[in-house]
C-alpha atoms as a PDB file:
ATOM      1  CA  MET A   1     118.789 110.531  94.380  1.00  0.00           C
ATOM      2  CA  VAL A   2     117.066 113.816  95.214  1.00  0.00           C
ATOM      3  CA  SER A   3     117.277 114.832  98.838  1.00  0.00           C
ATOM      4  CA  ALA A   4     114.194 115.853 100.783  1.00  0.00           C
ATOM      5  CA  PRO A   5     113.575 119.581 101.139  1.00  0.00           C
ATOM      6  CA  HIS A   6     115.171 121.108 104.152  1.00  0.00           C
ATOM      7  CA  ILE A   7     113.876 124.571 104.910  1.00  0.00           C
ATOM      8  CA  THR A   8     115.866 126.430 107.557  1.00  0.00           C
ATOM      9  CA  LYS A   9     115.248 129.525 109.647  1.00  0.00           C
ATOM     10  CA  ASN A  10     117.880 131.466 107.711  1.00  0.00           C
ATOM     11  CA  MET A  11     116.207 131.089 104.329  1.00  0.00           C
ATOM     12  CA  ARG A  12     114.439 134.120 102.920  1.00  0.00           C
ATOM     13  CA  ILE A  13     110.671 133.755 102.727  1.00  0.00           C
ATOM     14  CA  GLU A  14     110.729 134.603  99.019  1.00  0.00           C
ATOM     15  CA  GLU A  15     113.371 131.933  98.377  1.00  0.00           C
ATOM     16  CA  VAL A  16     111.240 129.245 100.037  1.00  0.00           C
ATOM     17  CA  ILE A  17     108.122 130.256  98.112  1.00  0.00           C
ATOM     18  CA  LYS A  18     109.985 130.204  94.798  1.00  0.00           C
ATOM     19  CA  ARG A  19     111.404 126.728  95.472  1.00  0.00           C
ATOM     20  CA  TYR A  20     108.274 125.315  97.090  1.00  0.00           C
ATOM     21  CA  PRO A  21     105.198 127.302  95.987  1.00  0.00           C
ATOM     22  CA  GLN A  22     102.936 124.968  97.967  1.00  0.00           C
ATOM     23  CA  THR A  23     104.312 126.522 101.180  1.00  0.00           C
ATOM     24  CA  THR A  24     102.486 129.818 100.548  1.00  0.00           C
ATOM     25  CA  VAL A  25      99.351 128.443 102.215  1.00  0.00           C
ATOM     26  CA  THR A  26     101.383 127.382 105.267  1.00  0.00           C
ATOM     27  CA  PHE A  27     102.959 130.821 105.657  1.00  0.00           C
ATOM     28  CA  GLU A  28      99.529 132.432 105.448  1.00  0.00           C
ATOM     29  CA  ARG A  29      97.939 129.942 107.872  1.00  0.00           C
ATOM     30  CA  PHE A  30     100.623 130.784 110.434  1.00  0.00           C
ATOM     31  CA  GLY A  31      99.933 134.518 110.002  1.00  0.00           C
ATOM     32  CA  LEU A  32     102.815 135.414 107.686  1.00  0.00           C
ATOM     33  CA  ARG A  33     100.823 137.118 104.974  1.00  0.00           C
ATOM     34  CA  CYS A  34     103.857 138.929 103.583  1.00  0.00           C
ATOM     35  CA  THR A  35     104.426 136.203 100.998  1.00  0.00           C
ATOM     36  CA  GLY A  36     103.495 138.541  98.172  1.00  0.00           C
ATOM     37  CA  CYS A  37     105.071 141.741  99.455  1.00  0.00           C
ATOM     38  CA  CYS A  38     108.570 143.120  99.025  1.00  0.00           C
ATOM     39  CA  VAL A  39     109.518 142.269 102.630  1.00  0.00           C
ATOM     40  CA  SER A  40     109.650 138.566 101.748  1.00  0.00           C
ATOM     41  CA  ALA A  41     112.690 139.238  99.550  1.00  0.00           C
ATOM     42  CA  PHE A  42     114.716 140.455 102.532  1.00  0.00           C
ATOM     43  CA  GLU A  43     113.207 138.825 105.615  1.00  0.00           C
ATOM     44  CA  ASN A  44     114.212 135.324 106.600  1.00  0.00           C
ATOM     45  CA  ILE A  45     111.829 132.864 108.219  1.00  0.00           C
ATOM     46  CA  GLU A  46     113.177 133.428 111.713  1.00  0.00           C
ATOM     47  CA  GLU A  47     112.748 137.210 111.460  1.00  0.00           C
ATOM     48  CA  GLY A  48     109.226 136.817 110.099  1.00  0.00           C
ATOM     49  CA  ALA A  49     108.250 134.405 112.851  1.00  0.00           C
ATOM     50  CA  MET A  50     109.684 136.652 115.562  1.00  0.00           C
ATOM     51  CA  SER A  51     107.979 139.783 114.258  1.00  0.00           C
ATOM     52  CA  HIS A  52     104.606 138.008 114.177  1.00  0.00           C
ATOM     53  CA  GLY A  53     104.930 136.048 117.426  1.00  0.00           C
ATOM     54  CA  ILE A  54     104.960 132.682 115.660  1.00  0.00           C
ATOM     55  CA  ASP A  55     106.568 129.546 117.084  1.00  0.00           C
ATOM     56  CA  LEU A  56     109.546 129.049 114.762  1.00  0.00           C
ATOM     57  CA  ASP A  57     109.948 125.300 115.291  1.00  0.00           C
ATOM     58  CA  SER A  58     106.284 124.619 114.522  1.00  0.00           C
ATOM     59  CA  LEU A  59     106.453 126.745 111.395  1.00  0.00           C
ATOM     60  CA  LEU A  60     109.625 125.053 110.146  1.00  0.00           C
ATOM     61  CA  ASP A  61     108.223 121.581 110.834  1.00  0.00           C
ATOM     62  CA  GLU A  62     105.100 122.356 108.851  1.00  0.00           C
ATOM     63  CA  LEU A  63     106.973 124.056 105.994  1.00  0.00           C
ATOM     64  CA  ASN A  64     109.269 121.054 105.612  1.00  0.00           C
ATOM     65  CA  ARG A  65     106.336 118.651 105.735  1.00  0.00           C
ATOM     66  CA  VAL A  66     104.432 120.575 103.067  1.00  0.00           C
ATOM     67  CA  ALA A  67     107.499 121.058 100.869  1.00  0.00           C
ATOM     68  CA  HIS A  68     108.104 117.326 100.879  1.00  0.00           C
ATOM     69  CA  THR A  69     104.639 116.534  99.500  1.00  0.00           C
END
């Protein structure tokens, strides 16, 4: 049995996009447009959310919902 995706605040943005490419739209909709830049390789979701004033829990909920589809 394959477990459902579980995206956490400590995952690098690039890592999430590679595993779940469908999350790119969610990152961009929340204002994290760094999905294609070099920062995504080093910045985790929590850092990205903080630097852009994004509610982390809302972002994680949506990322996990989208990754599961």
